[in-house]
Amino acid sequence: MWHVWLLLVALALAPSRAEEGIDIPEYDGVDRVIHLSPKNYKPVLKKFDVLCLYYHEAIEDDKVAQKQFEWEELTLE
């Protein structure tokens, strides 16, 4: 009998969870990735409330590596 009640409760809660879904933001076209240098880091710190640094090695001349870097950059935006 315990299993029946548990199943009924689970079925009652299932539709409410499915309606919420995942809220994935859409890209708004604003470029938020800035290439920092010793000269421009202070103005950047003043301009933005949040700063996330992504350190990476130099990108190879390979087209696949370039495309992968562009995707990572777009994901960070």
PDB file of N, CA and C in Angstrom:
ATOM      1  N   MET A   1       0.819  -1.193   0.000  1.00  0.00           N
ATOM      2  CA  MET A   1       0.000   0.000   0.000  1.00  0.00           C
ATOM      3  C   MET A   1       0.866   1.261   0.000  1.00  0.00           C
ATOM      4  N   TRP A   2       1.997   1.182   0.673  1.00  0.00           N
ATOM      5  CA  TRP A   2       2.915   2.317   0.748  1.00  0.00           C
ATOM      6  C   TRP A   2       3.422   2.706  -0.644  1.00  0.00           C
ATOM      7  N   HIS A   3       3.687   1.712  -1.464  1.00  0.00           N
ATOM      8  CA  HIS A   3       4.204   1.964  -2.805  1.00  0.00           C
ATOM      9  C   HIS A   3       3.166   2.670  -3.684  1.00  0.00           C
ATOM     10  N   VAL A   4       1.899   2.348  -3.473  1.00  0.00           N
ATOM     11  CA  VAL A   4       0.841   2.975  -4.260  1.00  0.00           C
ATOM     12  C   VAL A   4       0.762   4.468  -3.947  1.00  0.00           C
ATOM     13  N   TRP A   5       0.824   4.828  -2.672  1.00  0.00           N
ATOM     14  CA  TRP A   5       0.780   6.241  -2.284  1.00  0.00           C
ATOM     15  C   TRP A   5       2.002   6.993  -2.808  1.00  0.00           C
ATOM     16  N   LEU A   6       3.143   6.367  -2.731  1.00  0.00           N
ATOM     17  CA  LEU A   6       4.359   6.990  -3.245  1.00  0.00           C
ATOM     18  C   LEU A   6       4.261   7.213  -4.753  1.00  0.00           C
ATOM     19  N   LEU A   7       3.711   6.266  -5.472  1.00  0.00           N
ATOM     20  CA  LEU A   7       3.532   6.397  -6.905  1.00  0.00           C
ATOM     21  C   LEU A   7       2.540   7.517  -7.239  1.00  0.00           C
ATOM     22  N   LEU A   8       1.455   7.621  -6.483  1.00  0.00           N
ATOM     23  CA  LEU A   8       0.476   8.676  -6.717  1.00  0.00           C
ATOM     24  C   LEU A   8       1.058  10.064  -6.456  1.00  0.00           C
ATOM     25  N   VAL A   9       1.860  10.192  -5.423  1.00  0.00           N
ATOM     26  CA  VAL A   9       2.499  11.476  -5.123  1.00  0.00           C
ATOM     27  C   VAL A   9       3.493  11.838  -6.232  1.00  0.00           C
ATOM     28  N   ALA A  10       4.255  10.875  -6.688  1.00  0.00           N
ATOM     29  CA  ALA A  10       5.225  11.122  -7.755  1.00  0.00           C
ATOM     30  C   ALA A  10       4.524  11.534  -9.049  1.00  0.00           C
ATOM     31  N   LEU A  11       3.419  10.902  -9.363  1.00  0.00           N
ATOM     32  CA  LEU A  11       2.673  11.255 -10.567  1.00  0.00           C
ATOM     33  C   LEU A  11       2.021  12.633 -10.444  1.00  0.00           C
ATOM     34  N   ALA A  12       1.621  13.005  -9.246  1.00  0.00           N
ATOM     35  CA  ALA A  12       1.006  14.312  -9.047  1.00  0.00           C
ATOM     36  C   ALA A  12       2.030  15.435  -9.188  1.00  0.00           C
ATOM     37  N   LEU A  13       3.264  15.180  -8.790  1.00  0.00           N
ATOM     38  CA  LEU A  13       4.300  16.204  -8.866  1.00  0.00           C
ATOM     39  C   LEU A  13       4.980  16.269 -10.224  1.00  0.00           C
ATOM     40  N   ALA A  14       4.912  15.230 -11.002  1.00  0.00           N
ATOM     41  CA  ALA A  14       5.616  15.170 -12.289  1.00  0.00           C
ATOM     42  C   ALA A  14       5.185  16.255 -13.274  1.00  0.00           C
ATOM     43  N   PRO A  15       3.897  16.504 -13.496  1.00  0.00           N
ATOM     44  CA  PRO A  15       3.526  17.543 -14.478  1.00  0.00           C
ATOM     45  C   PRO A  15       3.978  18.947 -14.077  1.00  0.00           C
ATOM     46  N   SER A  16       3.997  19.247 -12.805  1.00  0.00           N
ATOM     47  CA  SER A  16       4.409  20.586 -12.391  1.00  0.00           C
ATOM     48  C   SER A  16       5.901  20.813 -12.639  1.00  0.00           C
ATOM     49  N   ARG A  17       6.709  19.797 -12.522  1.00  0.00           N
ATOM     50  CA  ARG A  17       8.138  19.940 -12.771  1.00  0.00           C
ATOM     51  C   ARG A  17       8.417  20.045 -14.264  1.00  0.00           C
ATOM     52  N   ALA A  18       7.639  19.358 -15.088  1.00  0.00           N
ATOM     53  CA  ALA A  18       7.881  19.359 -16.517  1.00  0.00           C
ATOM     54  C   ALA A  18       7.513  20.705 -17.147  1.00  0.00           C
ATOM     55  N   GLU A  19       6.557  21.405 -16.592  1.00  0.00           N
ATOM     56  CA  GLU A  19       6.130  22.673 -17.167  1.00  0.00           C
ATOM     57  C   GLU A  19       7.168  23.774 -16.972  1.00  0.00           C
ATOM     58  N   GLU A  20       7.972  23.689 -15.927  1.00  0.00           N
ATOM     59  CA  GLU A  20       8.963  24.724 -15.657  1.00  0.00           C
ATOM     60  C   GLU A  20      10.032  24.748 -16.741  1.00  0.00           C
ATOM     61  N   GLY A  21      10.602  23.626 -17.049  1.00  0.00           N
ATOM     62  CA  GLY A  21      11.631  23.546 -18.069  1.00  0.00           C
ATOM     63  C   GLY A  21      12.916  24.242 -17.666  1.00  0.00           C
ATOM     64  N   ILE A  22      13.808  24.385 -18.612  1.00  0.00           N
ATOM     65  CA  ILE A  22      15.096  25.031 -18.384  1.00  0.00           C
ATOM     66  C   ILE A  22      15.065  26.395 -19.051  1.00  0.00           C
ATOM     67  N   ASP A  23      15.463  27.415 -18.320  1.00  0.00           N
ATOM     68  CA  ASP A  23      15.490  28.769 -18.855  1.00  0.00           C
ATOM     69  C   ASP A  23      16.882  29.044 -19.409  1.00  0.00           C
ATOM     70  N   ILE A  24      17.025  28.911 -20.723  1.00  0.00           N
ATOM     71  CA  ILE A  24      18.309  29.133 -21.382  1.00  0.00           C
ATOM     72  C   ILE A  24      18.285  30.529 -21.992  1.00  0.00           C
ATOM     73  N   PRO A  25      19.213  31.386 -21.585  1.00  0.00           N
ATOM     74  CA  PRO A  25      19.213  32.739 -22.156  1.00  0.00           C
ATOM     75  C   PRO A  25      19.610  32.727 -23.619  1.00  0.00           C
ATOM     76  N   GLU A  26      19.070  33.683 -24.360  1.00  0.00           N
ATOM     77  CA  GLU A  26      19.398  33.805 -25.768  1.00  0.00           C
ATOM     78  C   GLU A  26      20.519  34.830 -25.943  1.00  0.00           C
ATOM     79  N   TYR A  27      21.316  34.633 -26.950  1.00  0.00           N
ATOM     80  CA  TYR A  27      22.416  35.544 -27.238  1.00  0.00           C
ATOM     81  C   TYR A  27      21.852  36.863 -27.751  1.00  0.00           C
ATOM     82  N   ASP A  28      22.254  37.965 -27.145  1.00  0.00           N
ATOM     83  CA  ASP A  28      21.709  39.274 -27.499  1.00  0.00           C
ATOM     84  C   ASP A  28      22.592  40.054 -28.470  1.00  0.00           C
ATOM     85  N   GLY A  29      23.704  39.480 -28.897  1.00  0.00           N
ATOM     86  CA  GLY A  29      24.554  40.118 -29.880  1.00  0.00           C
ATOM     87  C   GLY A  29      25.589  41.070 -29.314  1.00  0.00           C
ATOM     88  N   VAL A  30      25.641  41.217 -27.989  1.00  0.00           N
ATOM     89  CA  VAL A  30      26.595  42.130 -27.372  1.00  0.00           C
ATOM     90  C   VAL A  30      27.907  41.393 -27.138  1.00  0.00           C
ATOM     91  N   ASP A  31      29.007  41.964 -27.594  1.00  0.00           N
ATOM     92  CA  ASP A  31      30.327  41.357 -27.411  1.00  0.00           C
ATOM     93  C   ASP A  31      30.854  41.725 -26.032  1.00  0.00           C
ATOM     94  N   ARG A  32      30.961  40.739 -25.157  1.00  0.00           N
ATOM     95  CA  ARG A  32      31.406  40.988 -23.792  1.00  0.00           C
ATOM     96  C   ARG A  32      32.802  40.433 -23.509  1.00  0.00           C
ATOM     97  N   VAL A  33      33.443  39.890 -24.523  1.00  0.00           N
ATOM     98  CA  VAL A  33      34.781  39.347 -24.359  1.00  0.00           C
ATOM     99  C   VAL A  33      35.791  40.437 -24.708  1.00  0.00           C
ATOM    100  N   ILE A  34      36.659  40.732 -23.771  1.00  0.00           N
ATOM    101  CA  ILE A  34      37.657  41.778 -23.949  1.00  0.00           C
ATOM    102  C   ILE A  34      39.033  41.158 -23.787  1.00  0.00           C
ATOM    103  N   HIS A  35      39.938  41.490 -24.673  1.00  0.00           N
ATOM    104  CA  HIS A  35      41.300  41.009 -24.575  1.00  0.00           C
ATOM    105  C   HIS A  35      42.070  41.973 -23.676  1.00  0.00           C
ATOM    106  N   LEU A  36      42.434  41.482 -22.491  1.00  0.00           N
ATOM    107  CA  LEU A  36      43.109  42.333 -21.508  1.00  0.00           C
ATOM    108  C   LEU A  36      44.584  42.497 -21.828  1.00  0.00           C
ATOM    109  N   SER A  37      45.071  43.655 -21.487  1.00  0.00           N
ATOM    110  CA  SER A  37      46.493  43.946 -21.599  1.00  0.00           C
ATOM    111  C   SER A  37      46.877  44.767 -20.369  1.00  0.00           C
ATOM    112  N   PRO A  38      48.157  44.937 -20.124  1.00  0.00           N
ATOM    113  CA  PRO A  38      48.561  45.759 -18.972  1.00  0.00           C
ATOM    114  C   PRO A  38      48.045  47.199 -19.052  1.00  0.00           C
ATOM    115  N   LYS A  39      47.755  47.668 -20.241  1.00  0.00           N
ATOM    116  CA  LYS A  39      47.297  49.049 -20.395  1.00  0.00           C
ATOM    117  C   LYS A  39      45.793  49.226 -20.186  1.00  0.00           C
ATOM    118  N   ASN A  40      44.993  48.202 -20.498  1.00  0.00           N
ATOM    119  CA  ASN A  40      43.551  48.406 -20.454  1.00  0.00           C
ATOM    120  C   ASN A  40      42.829  47.701 -19.302  1.00  0.00           C
ATOM    121  N   TYR A  41      43.517  47.051 -18.386  1.00  0.00           N
ATOM    122  CA  TYR A  41      42.807  46.303 -17.359  1.00  0.00           C
ATOM    123  C   TYR A  41      42.137  47.208 -16.323  1.00  0.00           C
ATOM    124  N   LYS A  42      42.696  48.353 -15.995  1.00  0.00           N
ATOM    125  CA  LYS A  42      42.065  49.239 -15.009  1.00  0.00           C
ATOM    126  C   LYS A  42      40.748  49.826 -15.514  1.00  0.00           C
ATOM    127  N   PRO A  43      40.685  50.340 -16.747  1.00  0.00           N
ATOM    128  CA  PRO A  43      39.375  50.807 -17.236  1.00  0.00           C
ATOM    129  C   PRO A  43      38.330  49.695 -17.311  1.00  0.00           C
ATOM    130  N   VAL A  44      38.762  48.477 -17.627  1.00  0.00           N
ATOM    131  CA  VAL A  44      37.831  47.354 -17.692  1.00  0.00           C
ATOM    132  C   VAL A  44      37.286  47.051 -16.305  1.00  0.00           C
ATOM    133  N   LEU A  45      38.128  47.088 -15.286  1.00  0.00           N
ATOM    134  CA  LEU A  45      37.670  46.849 -13.924  1.00  0.00           C
ATOM    135  C   LEU A  45      36.659  47.898 -13.482  1.00  0.00           C
ATOM    136  N   LYS A  46      36.815  49.114 -13.927  1.00  0.00           N
ATOM    137  CA  LYS A  46      35.870  50.176 -13.568  1.00  0.00           C
ATOM    138  C   LYS A  46      34.557  50.049 -14.335  1.00  0.00           C
ATOM    139  N   LYS A  47      34.617  49.533 -15.559  1.00  0.00           N
ATOM    140  CA  LYS A  47      33.440  49.481 -16.424  1.00  0.00           C
ATOM    141  C   LYS A  47      32.472  48.367 -16.038  1.00  0.00           C
ATOM    142  N   PHE A  48      32.983  47.197 -15.646  1.00  0.00           N
ATOM    143  CA  PHE A  48      32.130  46.037 -15.392  1.00  0.00           C
ATOM    144  C   PHE A  48      32.089  45.684 -13.911  1.00  0.00           C
ATOM    145  N   ASP A  49      30.934  45.169 -13.475  1.00  0.00           N
ATOM    146  CA  ASP A  49      30.772  44.731 -12.094  1.00  0.00           C
ATOM    147  C   ASP A  49      31.420  43.366 -11.856  1.00  0.00           C
ATOM    148  N   VAL A  50      31.370  42.516 -12.868  1.00  0.00           N
ATOM    149  CA  VAL A  50      31.894  41.157 -12.748  1.00  0.00           C
ATOM    150  C   VAL A  50      32.949  40.951 -13.832  1.00  0.00           C
ATOM    151  N   LEU A  51      34.050  40.345 -13.444  1.00  0.00           N
ATOM    152  CA  LEU A  51      35.125  40.077 -14.391  1.00  0.00           C
ATOM    153  C   LEU A  51      35.533  38.620 -14.256  1.00  0.00           C
ATOM    154  N   CYS A  52      35.481  37.898 -15.350  1.00  0.00           N
ATOM    155  CA  CYS A  52      35.878  36.493 -15.381  1.00  0.00           C
ATOM    156  C   CYS A  52      37.068  36.376 -16.324  1.00  0.00           C
ATOM    157  N   LEU A  53      38.168  35.864 -15.843  1.00  0.00           N
ATOM    158  CA  LEU A  53      39.364  35.722 -16.674  1.00  0.00           C
ATOM    159  C   LEU A  53      39.442  34.302 -17.223  1.00  0.00           C
ATOM    160  N   TYR A  54      39.665  34.209 -18.501  1.00  0.00           N
ATOM    161  CA  TYR A  54      39.821  32.934 -19.180  1.00  0.00           C
ATOM    162  C   TYR A  54      41.204  32.933 -19.811  1.00  0.00           C
ATOM    163  N   TYR A  55      42.110  32.213 -19.199  1.00  0.00           N
ATOM    164  CA  TYR A  55      43.487  32.151 -19.676  1.00  0.00           C
ATOM    165  C   TYR A  55      43.611  30.965 -20.626  1.00  0.00           C
ATOM    166  N   HIS A  56      44.179  31.191 -21.784  1.00  0.00           N
ATOM    167  CA  HIS A  56      44.346  30.115 -22.752  1.00  0.00           C
ATOM    168  C   HIS A  56      45.686  30.268 -23.457  1.00  0.00           C
ATOM    169  N   GLU A  57      46.116  29.171 -24.020  1.00  0.00           N
ATOM    170  CA  GLU A  57      47.350  29.187 -24.792  1.00  0.00           C
ATOM    171  C   GLU A  57      47.090  29.823 -26.147  1.00  0.00           C
ATOM    172  N   ALA A  58      48.138  30.144 -26.857  1.00  0.00           N
ATOM    173  CA  ALA A  58      47.995  30.736 -28.183  1.00  0.00           C
ATOM    174  C   ALA A  58      47.259  29.767 -29.103  1.00  0.00           C
ATOM    175  N   ILE A  59      46.429  30.319 -29.954  1.00  0.00           N
ATOM    176  CA  ILE A  59      45.632  29.508 -30.862  1.00  0.00           C
ATOM    177  C   ILE A  59      46.478  29.129 -32.070  1.00  0.00           C
ATOM    178  N   GLU A  60      46.388  27.869 -32.447  1.00  0.00           N
ATOM    179  CA  GLU A  60      47.147  27.388 -33.591  1.00  0.00           C
ATOM    180  C   GLU A  60      46.525  27.910 -34.888  1.00  0.00           C
ATOM    181  N   ASP A  61      47.229  27.757 -35.989  1.00  0.00           N
ATOM    182  CA  ASP A  61      46.730  28.189 -37.289  1.00  0.00           C
ATOM    183  C   ASP A  61      45.698  27.222 -37.857  1.00  0.00           C
ATOM    184  N   ASP A  62      45.457  26.147 -37.141  1.00  0.00           N
ATOM    185  CA  ASP A  62      44.491  25.142 -37.568  1.00  0.00           C
ATOM    186  C   ASP A  62      43.068  25.725 -37.536  1.00  0.00           C
ATOM    187  N   LYS A  63      42.275  25.477 -38.574  1.00  0.00           N
ATOM    188  CA  LYS A  63      40.911  26.007 -38.639  1.00  0.00           C
ATOM    189  C   LYS A  63      40.017  25.398 -37.564  1.00  0.00           C
ATOM    190  N   VAL A  64      40.241  24.141 -37.226  1.00  0.00           N
ATOM    191  CA  VAL A  64      39.437  23.476 -36.208  1.00  0.00           C
ATOM    192  C   VAL A  64      39.703  24.104 -34.844  1.00  0.00           C
ATOM    193  N   ALA A  65      40.965  24.364 -34.543  1.00  0.00           N
ATOM    194  CA  ALA A  65      41.303  24.995 -33.267  1.00  0.00           C
ATOM    195  C   ALA A  65      40.749  26.412 -33.193  1.00  0.00           C
ATOM    196  N   GLN A  66      40.782  27.133 -34.285  1.00  0.00           N
ATOM    197  CA  GLN A  66      40.238  28.489 -34.331  1.00  0.00           C
ATOM    198  C   GLN A  66      38.721  28.470 -34.105  1.00  0.00           C
ATOM    199  N   LYS A  67      38.028  27.538 -34.758  1.00  0.00           N
ATOM    200  CA  LYS A  67      36.574  27.431 -34.613  1.00  0.00           C
ATOM    201  C   LYS A  67      36.209  27.038 -33.190  1.00  0.00           C
ATOM    202  N   GLN A  68      36.980  26.131 -32.574  1.00  0.00           N
ATOM    203  CA  GLN A  68      36.713  25.724 -31.199  1.00  0.00           C
ATOM    204  C   GLN A  68      36.892  26.908 -30.252  1.00  0.00           C
ATOM    205  N   PHE A  69      37.911  27.711 -30.471  1.00  0.00           N
ATOM    206  CA  PHE A  69      38.123  28.888 -29.638  1.00  0.00           C
ATOM    207  C   PHE A  69      36.974  29.891 -29.800  1.00  0.00           C
ATOM    208  N   GLU A  70      36.490  30.070 -31.020  1.00  0.00           N
ATOM    209  CA  GLU A  70      35.368  30.974 -31.252  1.00  0.00           C
ATOM    210  C   GLU A  70      34.116  30.497 -30.527  1.00  0.00           C
ATOM    211  N   TRP A  71      33.880  29.185 -30.513  1.00  0.00           N
ATOM    212  CA  TRP A  71      32.737  28.639 -29.799  1.00  0.00           C
ATOM    213  C   TRP A  71      32.874  28.854 -28.295  1.00  0.00           C
ATOM    214  N   GLU A  72      34.075  28.652 -27.769  1.00  0.00           N
ATOM    215  CA  GLU A  72      34.296  28.890 -26.334  1.00  0.00           C
ATOM    216  C   GLU A  72      34.076  30.359 -25.989  1.00  0.00           C
ATOM    217  N   GLU A  73      34.541  31.239 -26.844  1.00  0.00           N
ATOM    218  CA  GLU A  73      34.369  32.665 -26.615  1.00  0.00           C
ATOM    219  C   GLU A  73      32.886  33.038 -26.654  1.00  0.00           C
ATOM    220  N   LEU A  74      32.160  32.505 -27.599  1.00  0.00           N
ATOM    221  CA  LEU A  74      30.732  32.764 -27.701  1.00  0.00           C
ATOM    222  C   LEU A  74      29.982  32.221 -26.489  1.00  0.00           C
ATOM    223  N   THR A  75      30.407  31.078 -26.006  1.00  0.00           N
ATOM    224  CA  THR A  75      29.776  30.493 -24.823  1.00  0.00           C
ATOM    225  C   THR A  75      30.006  31.369 -23.601  1.00  0.00           C
ATOM    226  N   LEU A  76      31.166  31.949 -23.482  1.00  0.00           N
ATOM    227  CA  LEU A  76      31.454  32.824 -22.346  1.00  0.00           C
ATOM    228  C   LEU A  76      30.626  34.104 -22.390  1.00  0.00           C
ATOM    229  N   GLU A  77      30.312  34.566 -23.576  1.00  0.00           N
ATOM    230  CA  GLU A  77      29.509  35.784 -23.701  1.00  0.00           C
ATOM    231  C   GLU A  77      28.129  35.545 -23.192  1.00  0.00           C
TER     232      GLU A  77
END
